[in-house]
């Protein structure tokens, strides 16, 4: 059994589509009322058919009461890290400590460049993300004296004032698949947030990726358990089982519990833009999965 010691969380991954205008907001409210732990939105600032994710997160924070909010994941090349740190802290304060920061190194470089962003190679993007995380954490570190000074290759701050301090310790979650990004996740992140449809070998790929994160965390003097293992998932509810996450809620629960036990995944975020699916995931899959995992841990 692989167990990093985290309680199970369940959430929704919602498309921030412009039309219908309030669809994404309504789905977030549904997830909040259904009892899910998280509501997250993807971030593609170059996509004119999507709401701006940061604006949407702020609006959703005002429309919801208890659910935690997250980016899944923010596009760093189009969001300056020192400003992003203050924005994240502000949203966390305004929402009563409900914001978590998912962040990625970037992709779709033609679209990023068309918006005025800097085009980077994969290795350059990993370095830039590393520098950005250092800046973000330093801005939040209001107990440290003096201004923030980081002279990176891609990002620099020279005496930036610290603060505001977030209402809680905001988690920094990285969407990562390749070795360098997995290493950065182990060294510097609070959470790992891949998507199951992007794993060619399915859940079995998680074992090797976990090992790289664990190795990097140990090398950095961190406990591997400091990195929460999360997973974006997709599927369909059917009357009979047709495979992984294609069957009745009871089979979903068994499959997710097995992934938790085998690979230590402790957060499942369902990619769904249908209120009935979100409600069913919250009401039937989440509690059943928790029961199965608890029984396994206690056995």
C-alpha atoms as a PDB file:
ATOM      1  CA  UNK A   1       0.000   0.000   0.000  1.00  0.00           C
ATOM      2  CA  UNK A   2       1.299   3.453  -0.951  1.00  0.00           C
ATOM      3  CA  UNK A   3       0.107   5.987   1.608  1.00  0.00           C
ATOM      4  CA  UNK A   4       1.328   9.569   1.848  1.00  0.00           C
ATOM      5  CA  UNK A   5      -0.978  10.229   4.791  1.00  0.00           C
ATOM      6  CA  UNK A   6      -3.482  12.666   3.266  1.00  0.00           C
ATOM      7  CA  UNK A   7      -7.248  12.647   3.653  1.00  0.00           C
ATOM      8  CA  UNK A   8      -9.174  12.073   0.451  1.00  0.00           C
ATOM      9  CA  UNK A   9     -10.472  15.124  -1.408  1.00  0.00           C
ATOM     10  CA  UNK A  10     -12.908  15.209  -4.315  1.00  0.00           C
ATOM     11  CA  UNK A  11     -13.495  18.059  -6.723  1.00  0.00           C
ATOM     12  CA  UNK A  12     -14.716  19.291 -10.078  1.00  0.00           C
ATOM     13  CA  UNK A  13     -12.659  20.507 -13.052  1.00  0.00           C
ATOM     14  CA  UNK A  14     -14.918  22.912 -14.952  1.00  0.00           C
ATOM     15  CA  UNK A  15     -14.452  24.445 -18.405  1.00  0.00           C
ATOM     16  CA  UNK A  16     -14.463  28.268 -18.107  1.00  0.00           C
ATOM     17  CA  UNK A  17     -16.528  28.716 -21.270  1.00  0.00           C
ATOM     18  CA  UNK A  18     -17.898  32.190 -22.061  1.00  0.00           C
ATOM     19  CA  UNK A  19     -21.184  30.790 -23.378  1.00  0.00           C
ATOM     20  CA  UNK A  20     -23.565  30.379 -21.689  1.00  0.00           C
ATOM     21  CA  UNK A  21     -22.177  33.290 -19.689  1.00  0.00           C
ATOM     22  CA  UNK A  22     -22.769  31.980 -16.166  1.00  0.00           C
ATOM     23  CA  UNK A  23     -22.519  28.244 -16.911  1.00  0.00           C
ATOM     24  CA  UNK A  24     -19.146  27.794 -15.182  1.00  0.00           C
ATOM     25  CA  UNK A  25     -20.329  29.798 -12.172  1.00  0.00           C
ATOM     26  CA  UNK A  26     -23.535  27.772 -11.881  1.00  0.00           C
ATOM     27  CA  UNK A  27     -21.564  24.507 -12.016  1.00  0.00           C
ATOM     28  CA  UNK A  28     -19.251  25.759  -9.275  1.00  0.00           C
ATOM     29  CA  UNK A  29     -22.241  26.594  -7.093  1.00  0.00           C
ATOM     30  CA  UNK A  30     -23.628  23.108  -7.783  1.00  0.00           C
ATOM     31  CA  UNK A  31     -20.321  21.560  -6.669  1.00  0.00           C
ATOM     32  CA  UNK A  32     -20.353  23.693  -3.521  1.00  0.00           C
ATOM     33  CA  UNK A  33     -23.908  22.684  -2.604  1.00  0.00           C
ATOM     34  CA  UNK A  34     -23.170  19.026  -3.453  1.00  0.00           C
ATOM     35  CA  UNK A  35     -20.408  18.913  -0.863  1.00  0.00           C
ATOM     36  CA  UNK A  36     -17.336  18.574  -3.061  1.00  0.00           C
ATOM     37  CA  UNK A  37     -14.063  19.782  -1.585  1.00  0.00           C
ATOM     38  CA  UNK A  38     -12.668  21.580  -4.629  1.00  0.00           C
ATOM     39  CA  UNK A  39     -13.711  23.543  -7.683  1.00  0.00           C
ATOM     40  CA  UNK A  40     -11.003  24.134 -10.290  1.00  0.00           C
ATOM     41  CA  UNK A  41     -10.750  25.799 -13.689  1.00  0.00           C
ATOM     42  CA  UNK A  42      -8.283  25.407 -16.514  1.00  0.00           C
ATOM     43  CA  UNK A  43      -6.382  28.503 -17.679  1.00  0.00           C
ATOM     44  CA  UNK A  44      -5.888  29.378 -21.332  1.00  0.00           C
ATOM     45  CA  UNK A  45      -5.633  33.198 -21.477  1.00  0.00           C
ATOM     46  CA  UNK A  46      -5.240  33.126 -25.259  1.00  0.00           C
ATOM     47  CA  UNK A  47      -8.611  31.358 -25.728  1.00  0.00           C
ATOM     48  CA  UNK A  48     -11.340  33.926 -26.537  1.00  0.00           C
ATOM     49  CA  UNK A  49     -14.138  31.427 -25.906  1.00  0.00           C
ATOM     50  CA  UNK A  50     -13.067  31.102 -22.251  1.00  0.00           C
ATOM     51  CA  UNK A  51     -13.556  33.506 -19.372  1.00  0.00           C
ATOM     52  CA  UNK A  52     -10.320  34.803 -17.903  1.00  0.00           C
ATOM     53  CA  UNK A  53      -9.617  32.236 -15.202  1.00  0.00           C
ATOM     54  CA  UNK A  54      -8.488  34.685 -12.542  1.00  0.00           C
ATOM     55  CA  UNK A  55     -11.578  36.836 -12.976  1.00  0.00           C
ATOM     56  CA  UNK A  56     -13.769  33.737 -12.913  1.00  0.00           C
ATOM     57  CA  UNK A  57     -12.139  32.399  -9.735  1.00  0.00           C
ATOM     58  CA  UNK A  58     -12.731  35.728  -8.001  1.00  0.00           C
ATOM     59  CA  UNK A  59     -16.373  35.811  -9.045  1.00  0.00           C
ATOM     60  CA  UNK A  60     -16.926  32.186  -8.015  1.00  0.00           C
ATOM     61  CA  UNK A  61     -15.354  32.871  -4.627  1.00  0.00           C
ATOM     62  CA  UNK A  62     -18.059  35.452  -4.006  1.00  0.00           C
ATOM     63  CA  UNK A  63     -20.821  33.067  -5.123  1.00  0.00           C
ATOM     64  CA  UNK A  64     -19.752  30.041  -3.069  1.00  0.00           C
ATOM     65  CA  UNK A  65     -19.492  29.452   0.662  1.00  0.00           C
ATOM     66  CA  UNK A  66     -17.309  26.521   1.669  1.00  0.00           C
ATOM     67  CA  UNK A  67     -15.742  24.840  -1.369  1.00  0.00           C
ATOM     68  CA  UNK A  68     -12.020  25.402  -1.965  1.00  0.00           C
ATOM     69  CA  UNK A  69     -11.040  27.005  -5.277  1.00  0.00           C
ATOM     70  CA  UNK A  70      -8.055  26.288  -7.467  1.00  0.00           C
ATOM     71  CA  UNK A  71      -6.455  26.886 -10.836  1.00  0.00           C
ATOM     72  CA  UNK A  72      -5.911  23.740 -12.868  1.00  0.00           C
ATOM     73  CA  UNK A  73      -3.400  25.028 -13.854  1.00  0.00           C
ATOM     74  CA  UNK A  74      -2.448  28.685 -14.336  1.00  0.00           C
ATOM     75  CA  UNK A  75      -0.423  29.533 -17.437  1.00  0.00           C
ATOM     76  CA  UNK A  76       2.743  31.041 -15.953  1.00  0.00           C
ATOM     77  CA  UNK A  77       4.190  32.598 -19.152  1.00  0.00           C
ATOM     78  CA  UNK A  78       1.258  35.024 -19.302  1.00  0.00           C
ATOM     79  CA  UNK A  79       1.106  35.758 -15.545  1.00  0.00           C
ATOM     80  CA  UNK A  80       3.948  37.669 -13.858  1.00  0.00           C
ATOM     81  CA  UNK A  81       4.930  35.775 -10.680  1.00  0.00           C
ATOM     82  CA  UNK A  82       5.273  38.641  -8.183  1.00  0.00           C
ATOM     83  CA  UNK A  83       1.872  40.040  -9.202  1.00  0.00           C
ATOM     84  CA  UNK A  84       0.429  36.530  -9.197  1.00  0.00           C
ATOM     85  CA  UNK A  85       1.636  36.043  -5.619  1.00  0.00           C
ATOM     86  CA  UNK A  86      -0.216  39.152  -4.453  1.00  0.00           C
ATOM     87  CA  UNK A  87      -3.331  38.192  -6.428  1.00  0.00           C
ATOM     88  CA  UNK A  88      -3.348  34.711  -4.891  1.00  0.00           C
ATOM     89  CA  UNK A  89      -2.890  36.041  -1.372  1.00  0.00           C
ATOM     90  CA  UNK A  90      -5.666  38.598  -1.924  1.00  0.00           C
ATOM     91  CA  UNK A  91      -8.118  35.997  -3.208  1.00  0.00           C
ATOM     92  CA  UNK A  92      -7.234  33.710  -0.315  1.00  0.00           C
ATOM     93  CA  UNK A  93      -7.918  36.494   2.176  1.00  0.00           C
ATOM     94  CA  UNK A  94     -11.174  37.534   0.506  1.00  0.00           C
ATOM     95  CA  UNK A  95     -12.436  33.943   0.309  1.00  0.00           C
ATOM     96  CA  UNK A  96     -11.597  33.045   3.897  1.00  0.00           C
ATOM     97  CA  UNK A  97      -8.618  30.836   3.076  1.00  0.00           C
ATOM     98  CA  UNK A  98     -10.186  28.842   0.231  1.00  0.00           C
ATOM     99  CA  UNK A  99      -7.709  29.324  -2.614  1.00  0.00           C
ATOM    100  CA  UNK A 100      -5.046  26.888  -3.870  1.00  0.00           C
ATOM    101  CA  UNK A 101      -2.563  27.720  -6.633  1.00  0.00           C
ATOM    102  CA  UNK A 102      -2.202  25.209  -9.436  1.00  0.00           C
ATOM    103  CA  UNK A 103       0.473  26.324 -11.860  1.00  0.00           C
ATOM    104  CA  UNK A 104       2.149  25.043 -15.001  1.00  0.00           C
ATOM    105  CA  UNK A 105       5.267  25.853 -17.001  1.00  0.00           C
ATOM    106  CA  UNK A 106       3.260  26.650 -20.127  1.00  0.00           C
ATOM    107  CA  UNK A 107       2.305  25.100 -23.427  1.00  0.00           C
ATOM    108  CA  UNK A 108       0.772  26.140 -26.753  1.00  0.00           C
ATOM    109  CA  UNK A 109       3.726  28.440 -27.319  1.00  0.00           C
ATOM    110  CA  UNK A 110       2.441  29.921 -30.589  1.00  0.00           C
ATOM    111  CA  UNK A 111      -0.671  31.133 -28.768  1.00  0.00           C
ATOM    112  CA  UNK A 112       1.400  32.421 -25.846  1.00  0.00           C
ATOM    113  CA  UNK A 113       3.698  34.331 -28.199  1.00  0.00           C
ATOM    114  CA  UNK A 114       0.692  35.761 -30.057  1.00  0.00           C
ATOM    115  CA  UNK A 115      -0.459  37.263 -26.745  1.00  0.00           C
ATOM    116  CA  UNK A 116       2.945  38.868 -26.131  1.00  0.00           C
ATOM    117  CA  UNK A 117       4.349  36.105 -23.939  1.00  0.00           C
ATOM    118  CA  UNK A 118       7.884  34.813 -24.088  1.00  0.00           C
ATOM    119  CA  UNK A 119       8.502  31.645 -26.100  1.00  0.00           C
ATOM    120  CA  UNK A 120      10.585  29.112 -24.148  1.00  0.00           C
ATOM    121  CA  UNK A 121      11.909  25.632 -24.697  1.00  0.00           C
ATOM    122  CA  UNK A 122      10.762  22.887 -22.344  1.00  0.00           C
ATOM    123  CA  UNK A 123      13.946  23.030 -20.281  1.00  0.00           C
ATOM    124  CA  UNK A 124      13.805  26.838 -20.122  1.00  0.00           C
ATOM    125  CA  UNK A 125      10.166  26.713 -19.032  1.00  0.00           C
ATOM    126  CA  UNK A 126      11.040  24.417 -16.106  1.00  0.00           C
ATOM    127  CA  UNK A 127      13.746  26.835 -14.939  1.00  0.00           C
ATOM    128  CA  UNK A 128      11.325  29.751 -15.263  1.00  0.00           C
ATOM    129  CA  UNK A 129       8.710  27.928 -13.192  1.00  0.00           C
ATOM    130  CA  UNK A 130      11.281  27.146 -10.510  1.00  0.00           C
ATOM    131  CA  UNK A 131      12.212  30.838 -10.319  1.00  0.00           C
ATOM    132  CA  UNK A 132       8.549  31.871 -10.225  1.00  0.00           C
ATOM    133  CA  UNK A 133       7.772  29.557  -7.317  1.00  0.00           C
ATOM    134  CA  UNK A 134      10.701  30.983  -5.358  1.00  0.00           C
ATOM    135  CA  UNK A 135       9.395  34.512  -5.974  1.00  0.00           C
ATOM    136  CA  UNK A 136       5.813  33.610  -5.040  1.00  0.00           C
ATOM    137  CA  UNK A 137       6.826  31.969  -1.778  1.00  0.00           C
ATOM    138  CA  UNK A 138       9.115  34.885  -0.934  1.00  0.00           C
ATOM    139  CA  UNK A 139       6.320  37.429  -1.475  1.00  0.00           C
ATOM    140  CA  UNK A 140       4.122  35.439   0.916  1.00  0.00           C
ATOM    141  CA  UNK A 141       6.900  35.170   3.543  1.00  0.00           C
ATOM    142  CA  UNK A 142       5.934  38.282   5.499  1.00  0.00           C
ATOM    143  CA  UNK A 143       7.777  37.090   8.613  1.00  0.00           C
ATOM    144  CA  UNK A 144      11.119  37.466   6.846  1.00  0.00           C
ATOM    145  CA  UNK A 145      12.919  40.798   6.917  1.00  0.00           C
ATOM    146  CA  UNK A 146      13.801  42.965   3.949  1.00  0.00           C
ATOM    147  CA  UNK A 147      12.530  43.003   0.395  1.00  0.00           C
ATOM    148  CA  UNK A 148      12.497  40.107  -2.015  1.00  0.00           C
ATOM    149  CA  UNK A 149      15.570  39.886  -4.209  1.00  0.00           C
ATOM    150  CA  UNK A 150      15.815  37.062  -6.710  1.00  0.00           C
ATOM    151  CA  UNK A 151      17.986  37.419  -9.802  1.00  0.00           C
ATOM    152  CA  UNK A 152      16.812  34.606 -12.046  1.00  0.00           C
ATOM    153  CA  UNK A 153      17.405  33.934 -15.690  1.00  0.00           C
ATOM    154  CA  UNK A 154      13.769  34.554 -16.625  1.00  0.00           C
ATOM    155  CA  UNK A 155      12.307  36.388 -13.620  1.00  0.00           C
ATOM    156  CA  UNK A 156      13.870  39.015 -11.406  1.00  0.00           C
ATOM    157  CA  UNK A 157      12.667  41.000  -8.428  1.00  0.00           C
ATOM    158  CA  UNK A 158      14.853  43.603  -6.758  1.00  0.00           C
ATOM    159  CA  UNK A 159      13.590  44.682  -3.356  1.00  0.00           C
ATOM    160  CA  UNK A 160       9.899  43.910  -3.850  1.00  0.00           C
ATOM    161  CA  UNK A 161       7.931  44.376  -0.633  1.00  0.00           C
ATOM    162  CA  UNK A 162       6.521  41.232   0.955  1.00  0.00           C
ATOM    163  CA  UNK A 163       2.835  40.599   1.418  1.00  0.00           C
ATOM    164  CA  UNK A 164       0.026  40.384   1.830  1.00  0.00           C
ATOM    165  CA  UNK A 165       0.192  37.191   3.835  1.00  0.00           C
ATOM    166  CA  UNK A 166      -2.413  34.633   2.707  1.00  0.00           C
ATOM    167  CA  UNK A 167      -5.163  33.568   5.099  1.00  0.00           C
ATOM    168  CA  UNK A 168      -3.754  30.031   5.074  1.00  0.00           C
ATOM    169  CA  UNK A 169      -0.729  28.237   3.661  1.00  0.00           C
ATOM    170  CA  UNK A 170      -1.704  28.224  -0.006  1.00  0.00           C
ATOM    171  CA  UNK A 171      -0.751  24.993  -1.702  1.00  0.00           C
ATOM    172  CA  UNK A 172       1.294  25.251  -4.886  1.00  0.00           C
ATOM    173  CA  UNK A 173       0.272  22.399  -7.175  1.00  0.00           C
ATOM    174  CA  UNK A 174       2.212  21.593 -10.342  1.00  0.00           C
ATOM    175  CA  UNK A 175       0.895  19.870 -13.435  1.00  0.00           C
ATOM    176  CA  UNK A 176       3.864  17.659 -14.360  1.00  0.00           C
ATOM    177  CA  UNK A 177       4.661  14.626 -16.519  1.00  0.00           C
ATOM    178  CA  UNK A 178       8.290  14.793 -17.671  1.00  0.00           C
ATOM    179  CA  UNK A 179      11.339  14.021 -15.495  1.00  0.00           C
ATOM    180  CA  UNK A 180      12.513  17.623 -14.982  1.00  0.00           C
ATOM    181  CA  UNK A 181       9.042  18.819 -14.023  1.00  0.00           C
ATOM    182  CA  UNK A 182       8.553  15.859 -11.710  1.00  0.00           C
ATOM    183  CA  UNK A 183      11.868  16.703 -10.071  1.00  0.00           C
ATOM    184  CA  UNK A 184      10.768  20.297  -9.552  1.00  0.00           C
ATOM    185  CA  UNK A 185       7.514  19.026  -8.064  1.00  0.00           C
ATOM    186  CA  UNK A 186       9.418  16.964  -5.517  1.00  0.00           C
ATOM    187  CA  UNK A 187      11.755  19.828  -4.642  1.00  0.00           C
ATOM    188  CA  UNK A 188       9.356  22.739  -4.502  1.00  0.00           C
ATOM    189  CA  UNK A 189       5.639  21.896  -4.748  1.00  0.00           C
ATOM    190  CA  UNK A 190       2.904  21.067  -2.265  1.00  0.00           C
ATOM    191  CA  UNK A 191       0.914  19.022  -4.751  1.00  0.00           C
ATOM    192  CA  UNK A 192       1.238  17.094  -7.999  1.00  0.00           C
ATOM    193  CA  UNK A 193      -1.686  17.516 -10.410  1.00  0.00           C
ATOM    194  CA  UNK A 194      -1.544  15.389 -13.593  1.00  0.00           C
ATOM    195  CA  UNK A 195      -4.508  14.320 -15.719  1.00  0.00           C
ATOM    196  CA  UNK A 196      -5.329  10.635 -16.153  1.00  0.00           C
ATOM    197  CA  UNK A 197      -6.213  10.981 -19.876  1.00  0.00           C
ATOM    198  CA  UNK A 198      -2.654  12.231 -20.510  1.00  0.00           C
ATOM    199  CA  UNK A 199      -1.039   9.102 -19.022  1.00  0.00           C
ATOM    200  CA  UNK A 200      -0.413   6.718 -21.959  1.00  0.00           C
ATOM    201  CA  UNK A 201      -0.180   3.700 -19.683  1.00  0.00           C
ATOM    202  CA  UNK A 202      -3.091   4.703 -17.486  1.00  0.00           C
ATOM    203  CA  UNK A 203      -2.777   4.566 -13.688  1.00  0.00           C
ATOM    204  CA  UNK A 204       0.260   2.268 -13.929  1.00  0.00           C
ATOM    205  CA  UNK A 205       2.304   5.292 -15.081  1.00  0.00           C
ATOM    206  CA  UNK A 206       1.802   6.844 -11.653  1.00  0.00           C
ATOM    207  CA  UNK A 207       4.285   4.475  -9.996  1.00  0.00           C
ATOM    208  CA  UNK A 208       7.344   5.679 -11.911  1.00  0.00           C
ATOM    209  CA  UNK A 209       6.300   9.322 -11.683  1.00  0.00           C
ATOM    210  CA  UNK A 210       5.767   9.004  -7.935  1.00  0.00           C
ATOM    211  CA  UNK A 211       9.248   7.531  -7.620  1.00  0.00           C
ATOM    212  CA  UNK A 212      10.819  10.537  -9.367  1.00  0.00           C
ATOM    213  CA  UNK A 213       8.935  12.949  -7.114  1.00  0.00           C
ATOM    214  CA  UNK A 214       9.936  10.984  -4.011  1.00  0.00           C
ATOM    215  CA  UNK A 215      13.582  10.886  -5.068  1.00  0.00           C
ATOM    216  CA  UNK A 216      13.653  14.633  -5.700  1.00  0.00           C
ATOM    217  CA  UNK A 217      11.920  15.375  -2.402  1.00  0.00           C
ATOM    218  CA  UNK A 218      14.394  13.251  -0.447  1.00  0.00           C
ATOM    219  CA  UNK A 219      17.334  14.872  -2.222  1.00  0.00           C
ATOM    220  CA  UNK A 220      15.981  18.296  -1.246  1.00  0.00           C
ATOM    221  CA  UNK A 221      15.620  17.270   2.402  1.00  0.00           C
ATOM    222  CA  UNK A 222      11.847  17.031   2.221  1.00  0.00           C
ATOM    223  CA  UNK A 223       9.501  14.215   3.115  1.00  0.00           C
ATOM    224  CA  UNK A 224       7.786  12.766   0.017  1.00  0.00           C
ATOM    225  CA  UNK A 225       4.505  13.076   1.920  1.00  0.00           C
ATOM    226  CA  UNK A 226       4.908  16.870   1.715  1.00  0.00           C
ATOM    227  CA  UNK A 227       3.671  16.544  -1.877  1.00  0.00           C
ATOM    228  CA  UNK A 228      -0.046  15.687  -2.112  1.00  0.00           C
ATOM    229  CA  UNK A 229      -0.719  13.369  -5.058  1.00  0.00           C
ATOM    230  CA  UNK A 230      -3.743  14.509  -7.082  1.00  0.00           C
ATOM    231  CA  UNK A 231      -5.387  13.350 -10.296  1.00  0.00           C
ATOM    232  CA  UNK A 232      -7.730  14.920 -12.824  1.00  0.00           C
ATOM    233  CA  UNK A 233     -10.080  12.218 -14.066  1.00  0.00           C
ATOM    234  CA  UNK A 234     -12.819  11.807 -16.644  1.00  0.00           C
ATOM    235  CA  UNK A 235     -15.403   9.114 -17.265  1.00  0.00           C
ATOM    236  CA  UNK A 236     -19.062   8.282 -17.639  1.00  0.00           C
ATOM    237  CA  UNK A 237     -21.672   6.720 -15.431  1.00  0.00           C
ATOM    238  CA  UNK A 238     -23.262   3.667 -17.035  1.00  0.00           C
ATOM    239  CA  UNK A 239     -25.513   0.904 -15.775  1.00  0.00           C
ATOM    240  CA  UNK A 240     -22.877  -1.791 -16.296  1.00  0.00           C
ATOM    241  CA  UNK A 241     -19.095  -1.760 -16.172  1.00  0.00           C
ATOM    242  CA  UNK A 242     -17.295  -0.974 -19.419  1.00  0.00           C
ATOM    243  CA  UNK A 243     -13.782  -0.293 -18.133  1.00  0.00           C
ATOM    244  CA  UNK A 244     -11.919   2.286 -16.089  1.00  0.00           C
ATOM    245  CA  UNK A 245     -14.333   4.990 -14.888  1.00  0.00           C
ATOM    246  CA  UNK A 246     -17.039   3.732 -17.218  1.00  0.00           C
ATOM    247  CA  UNK A 247     -19.655   2.061 -15.084  1.00  0.00           C
ATOM    248  CA  UNK A 248     -21.912   2.553 -12.067  1.00  0.00           C
ATOM    249  CA  UNK A 249     -20.743   4.735  -9.151  1.00  0.00           C
ATOM    250  CA  UNK A 250     -19.917   1.658  -7.058  1.00  0.00           C
ATOM    251  CA  UNK A 251     -17.367   0.549  -9.662  1.00  0.00           C
ATOM    252  CA  UNK A 252     -15.915   4.052  -9.852  1.00  0.00           C
ATOM    253  CA  UNK A 253     -15.439   3.935  -6.079  1.00  0.00           C
ATOM    254  CA  UNK A 254     -13.692   0.560  -6.220  1.00  0.00           C
ATOM    255  CA  UNK A 255     -11.384   1.720  -9.000  1.00  0.00           C
ATOM    256  CA  UNK A 256     -10.495   5.027  -7.320  1.00  0.00           C
ATOM    257  CA  UNK A 257      -9.929   3.283  -3.999  1.00  0.00           C
ATOM    258  CA  UNK A 258      -7.570   0.882  -5.745  1.00  0.00           C
ATOM    259  CA  UNK A 259      -5.627   3.766  -7.293  1.00  0.00           C
ATOM    260  CA  UNK A 260      -5.366   5.394  -3.861  1.00  0.00           C
ATOM    261  CA  UNK A 261      -4.115   2.201  -2.234  1.00  0.00           C
ATOM    262  CA  UNK A 262      -1.642   1.383  -5.016  1.00  0.00           C
ATOM    263  CA  UNK A 263      -0.316   4.838  -5.882  1.00  0.00           C
ATOM    264  CA  UNK A 264      -1.136   7.140  -2.978  1.00  0.00           C
ATOM    265  CA  UNK A 265      -3.458   9.451  -4.919  1.00  0.00           C
ATOM    266  CA  UNK A 266      -5.509  11.411  -2.393  1.00  0.00           C
ATOM    267  CA  UNK A 267      -7.410  13.938  -4.522  1.00  0.00           C
ATOM    268  CA  UNK A 268      -9.666  13.207  -7.473  1.00  0.00           C
ATOM    269  CA  UNK A 269     -10.914  16.076  -9.609  1.00  0.00           C
ATOM    270  CA  UNK A 270     -13.611  15.147 -12.106  1.00  0.00           C
ATOM    271  CA  UNK A 271     -13.553  16.887 -15.467  1.00  0.00           C
ATOM    272  CA  UNK A 272     -17.275  17.483 -15.977  1.00  0.00           C
ATOM    273  CA  UNK A 273     -19.540  20.264 -17.192  1.00  0.00           C
ATOM    274  CA  UNK A 274     -22.810  18.561 -16.298  1.00  0.00           C
ATOM    275  CA  UNK A 275     -24.536  19.300 -12.969  1.00  0.00           C
ATOM    276  CA  UNK A 276     -26.065  15.828 -12.628  1.00  0.00           C
ATOM    277  CA  UNK A 277     -22.676  14.174 -13.097  1.00  0.00           C
ATOM    278  CA  UNK A 278     -21.089  16.486 -10.528  1.00  0.00           C
ATOM    279  CA  UNK A 279     -23.848  15.797  -8.011  1.00  0.00           C
ATOM    280  CA  UNK A 280     -23.644  12.044  -8.528  1.00  0.00           C
ATOM    281  CA  UNK A 281     -19.869  12.068  -8.135  1.00  0.00           C
ATOM    282  CA  UNK A 282     -20.238  13.945  -4.841  1.00  0.00           C
ATOM    283  CA  UNK A 283     -23.147  11.917  -3.474  1.00  0.00           C
ATOM    284  CA  UNK A 284     -22.236   8.380  -4.534  1.00  0.00           C
ATOM    285  CA  UNK A 285     -18.585   8.076  -5.570  1.00  0.00           C
ATOM    286  CA  UNK A 286     -16.838  10.250  -2.978  1.00  0.00           C
ATOM    287  CA  UNK A 287     -18.306   8.701   0.208  1.00  0.00           C
ATOM    288  CA  UNK A 288     -18.008   5.142  -1.098  1.00  0.00           C
ATOM    289  CA  UNK A 289     -14.372   5.663  -2.062  1.00  0.00           C
ATOM    290  CA  UNK A 290     -13.598   7.098   1.370  1.00  0.00           C
ATOM    291  CA  UNK A 291     -15.188   4.087   3.061  1.00  0.00           C
ATOM    292  CA  UNK A 292     -13.189   1.615   0.989  1.00  0.00           C
ATOM    293  CA  UNK A 293      -9.896   3.416   1.569  1.00  0.00           C
ATOM    294  CA  UNK A 294     -10.543   3.755   5.300  1.00  0.00           C
ATOM    295  CA  UNK A 295     -11.260   0.033   5.546  1.00  0.00           C
ATOM    296  CA  UNK A 296      -8.041  -0.787   3.702  1.00  0.00           C
ATOM    297  CA  UNK A 297      -5.972   1.518   5.893  1.00  0.00           C
ATOM    298  CA  UNK A 298      -7.429  -0.009   9.030  1.00  0.00           C
ATOM    299  CA  UNK A 299      -6.994  -3.615   7.916  1.00  0.00           C
END
